[in-house]
Amino acid sequence: MTKIHLIAALALLNTVISCKNEKKDQVLETKEITFSKEGELSLFSLSDSIPKLIKKIDIEIADDDYQIQTGLMYRESMKNDQGMLFVFPDEEPHSFYMKNTRFPLDIIFIDSKHKVVSIQKNAQPLDESSLPSEGPAQYVLEINAKLSDQWNLKAGDSISFTKM
């Protein structure tokens, strides 16, 4: 039994010593998350029943659980000609929040027919308040805050998008 205790003590001591020998000043480097174009999205106004192009932007697409839950978290910014499109399997009411999101956004809820349902404007960074859709949505587009006003985007307008 004493040999087993001695071997266990030596193994424990070796582990402690090797852990202490690691650099105390070691800094873990984190890599900035950057935009990755995965498609293009066009926004259309439906004034006079004729679709009119409002704006065309590059998009990242969030279509799995991890991407949907992470979204634009931990990023510092996004260009005005970029956005993130969340694609959900079903059309239903959705709610977003700004946890770990460091810049303000407009959150645009879109139904299964690609029509804008509602817009949560100027969602504030790091705010964990619930920002719900005003009706069922299958898609959600996040763009920089105030762009929906600048583009005069409103409920009833539409989108089309393509994946690359």
Protein backbone atom coordinates (compact mmCIF):
# COMPACT_ATOMS: atom_id res chain seq x y z
CA MET A 1 0.00 0.00 0.00
CA THR A 2 2.83 2.42 0.72
CA LYS A 3 4.22 2.10 -2.80
CA ILE A 4 0.82 3.08 -4.19
CA HIS A 5 0.65 6.07 -1.84
CA LEU A 6 4.18 7.10 -2.80
CA ILE A 7 3.41 6.85 -6.54
CA ALA A 8 0.19 8.85 -6.09
CA ALA A 9 2.01 11.54 -4.07
CA LEU A 10 4.77 11.82 -6.70
CA ALA A 11 2.19 12.09 -9.48
CA LEU A 12 0.35 14.83 -7.58
CA LEU A 13 3.60 16.69 -6.88
CA ASN A 14 4.59 16.46 -10.55
CA THR A 15 1.22 17.92 -11.58
CA VAL A 16 1.53 20.81 -9.11
CA ILE A 17 5.10 21.61 -10.19
CA SER A 18 4.26 21.50 -13.91
CA CYS A 19 1.26 23.80 -13.36
CA LYS A 20 3.44 26.28 -11.43
CA ASN A 21 6.02 26.32 -14.22
CA GLU A 22 3.52 27.69 -16.71
CA LYS A 23 3.99 31.36 -17.51
CA LYS A 24 2.12 33.53 -15.05
CA ASP A 25 2.17 36.46 -17.47
CA GLN A 26 0.64 34.42 -20.26
CA VAL A 27 -2.19 36.34 -21.92
CA LEU A 28 -4.81 34.53 -23.92
CA GLU A 29 -5.31 36.26 -27.21
CA THR A 30 -8.83 36.50 -28.55
CA LYS A 31 -9.55 36.82 -32.21
CA GLU A 32 -11.97 39.55 -33.28
CA ILE A 33 -15.10 38.21 -34.93
CA THR A 34 -15.35 39.70 -38.40
CA PHE A 35 -18.13 39.86 -40.96
CA SER A 36 -18.30 36.94 -43.37
CA LYS A 37 -20.48 37.54 -46.43
CA GLU A 38 -22.83 34.57 -46.91
CA GLY A 39 -25.44 36.17 -49.12
CA GLU A 40 -27.13 39.32 -50.36
CA LEU A 41 -30.43 40.83 -49.27
CA SER A 42 -32.60 43.42 -51.02
CA LEU A 43 -35.21 45.56 -49.26
CA PHE A 44 -38.24 46.75 -51.24
CA SER A 45 -40.86 49.42 -50.62
CA LEU A 46 -44.35 48.53 -51.81
CA SER A 47 -45.63 52.03 -52.49
CA ASP A 48 -48.20 52.13 -55.31
CA SER A 49 -48.21 48.29 -55.38
CA ILE A 50 -44.97 48.34 -57.38
CA PRO A 51 -41.91 47.04 -55.54
CA LYS A 52 -39.17 49.67 -55.46
CA LEU A 53 -35.64 48.78 -54.36
CA ILE A 54 -34.77 50.56 -51.12
CA LYS A 55 -31.36 49.07 -50.42
CA LYS A 56 -29.18 46.06 -51.17
CA ILE A 57 -26.85 44.75 -48.42
CA ASP A 58 -24.45 41.90 -47.77
CA ILE A 59 -25.57 39.46 -45.09
CA GLU A 60 -24.31 36.83 -42.74
CA ILE A 61 -26.87 34.09 -42.19
CA ALA A 62 -27.65 32.63 -38.77
CA ASP A 63 -29.62 29.44 -39.32
CA ASP A 64 -28.55 26.99 -36.61
CA ASP A 65 -29.04 27.13 -32.83
CA TYR A 66 -25.52 28.34 -32.02
CA GLN A 67 -25.51 31.08 -34.69
CA ILE A 68 -29.02 32.23 -33.76
CA GLN A 69 -28.18 32.45 -30.06
CA THR A 70 -24.83 34.19 -30.66
CA GLY A 71 -25.85 36.58 -33.45
CA LEU A 72 -23.78 39.77 -33.41
CA MET A 73 -22.58 39.33 -29.83
CA TYR A 74 -18.99 40.25 -29.00
CA ARG A 75 -18.48 42.31 -32.14
CA GLU A 76 -17.41 45.92 -32.07
CA SER A 77 -19.27 47.20 -35.14
CA MET A 78 -20.78 46.45 -38.52
CA LYS A 79 -20.72 48.44 -41.77
CA ASN A 80 -23.91 50.15 -42.96
CA ASP A 81 -24.09 47.91 -46.04
CA GLN A 82 -24.06 44.75 -43.92
CA GLY A 83 -26.56 42.87 -41.79
CA MET A 84 -27.28 39.55 -40.14
CA LEU A 85 -30.29 37.52 -41.26
CA PHE A 86 -31.67 35.01 -38.77
CA VAL A 87 -33.59 32.16 -40.38
CA PHE A 88 -35.97 30.22 -38.15
CA PRO A 89 -37.56 26.86 -39.06
CA ASP A 90 -41.09 28.10 -38.30
CA GLU A 91 -43.04 31.33 -38.42
CA GLU A 92 -43.92 32.38 -34.86
CA PRO A 93 -43.54 35.36 -32.54
CA HIS A 94 -39.88 35.99 -31.68
CA SER A 95 -38.13 38.15 -29.13
CA PHE A 96 -34.52 39.36 -29.17
CA TYR A 97 -32.28 41.10 -26.64
CA MET A 98 -28.94 42.88 -26.80
CA LYS A 99 -26.93 40.85 -24.28
CA ASN A 100 -23.22 41.06 -25.17
CA THR A 101 -24.02 43.12 -28.28
CA ARG A 102 -21.78 46.17 -28.22
CA PHE A 103 -23.39 48.51 -30.75
CA PRO A 104 -27.01 49.67 -31.32
CA LEU A 105 -29.20 47.86 -33.85
CA ASP A 106 -32.51 48.02 -35.65
CA ILE A 107 -34.18 44.60 -35.44
CA ILE A 108 -36.55 43.87 -38.33
CA PHE A 109 -39.04 41.02 -37.99
CA ILE A 110 -40.13 39.44 -41.29
CA ASP A 111 -42.84 36.84 -41.97
CA SER A 112 -42.65 33.68 -44.09
CA LYS A 113 -43.83 35.64 -47.16
CA HIS A 114 -40.84 38.00 -46.76
CA LYS A 115 -42.97 40.95 -45.56
CA VAL A 116 -41.79 43.21 -42.73
CA VAL A 117 -43.99 42.57 -39.67
CA SER A 118 -42.43 45.08 -37.26
CA ILE A 119 -39.21 46.89 -36.39
CA GLN A 120 -37.55 47.37 -33.02
CA LYS A 121 -35.58 50.58 -33.59
CA ASN A 122 -32.36 51.65 -31.94
CA ALA A 123 -31.96 48.64 -29.62
CA GLN A 124 -29.32 49.67 -27.10
CA PRO A 125 -26.03 47.83 -26.52
CA LEU A 126 -25.87 45.30 -23.66
CA ASP A 127 -29.57 45.81 -22.76
CA GLU A 128 -31.22 42.53 -21.79
CA SER A 129 -34.79 43.83 -22.14
CA SER A 130 -37.05 41.75 -24.34
CA LEU A 131 -37.59 43.17 -27.84
CA PRO A 132 -40.53 41.20 -29.31
CA SER A 133 -42.01 41.05 -32.78
CA GLU A 134 -45.53 42.42 -33.20
CA GLY A 135 -46.60 39.26 -35.00
CA PRO A 136 -45.32 35.92 -36.26
CA ALA A 137 -41.94 36.07 -38.03
CA GLN A 138 -39.72 33.51 -39.70
CA TYR A 139 -36.81 35.85 -40.41
CA VAL A 140 -35.13 38.60 -38.43
CA LEU A 141 -32.74 41.11 -39.96
CA GLU A 142 -30.33 43.06 -37.77
CA ILE A 143 -28.82 46.24 -39.18
CA ASN A 144 -27.10 49.24 -37.64
CA ALA A 145 -29.41 51.46 -35.60
CA LYS A 146 -31.23 54.29 -37.39
CA LEU A 147 -30.80 52.74 -40.85
CA SER A 148 -34.45 51.64 -40.98
CA ASP A 149 -35.44 55.31 -40.53
CA GLN A 150 -32.82 56.48 -43.02
CA TRP A 151 -34.14 53.99 -45.57
CA ASN A 152 -37.78 54.76 -44.63
CA LEU A 153 -38.39 51.04 -44.02
CA LYS A 154 -41.79 50.16 -42.57
CA ALA A 155 -44.17 47.27 -41.89
CA GLY A 156 -45.49 45.86 -45.17
CA ASP A 157 -42.23 46.39 -47.07
CA SER A 158 -40.50 43.24 -48.27
CA ILE A 159 -37.17 41.51 -48.70
CA SER A 160 -35.57 38.99 -50.98
CA PHE A 161 -32.25 37.27 -50.34
CA THR A 162 -29.86 34.82 -51.86
CA LYS A 163 -27.29 32.58 -50.19
CA MET A 164 -23.84 32.25 -51.65
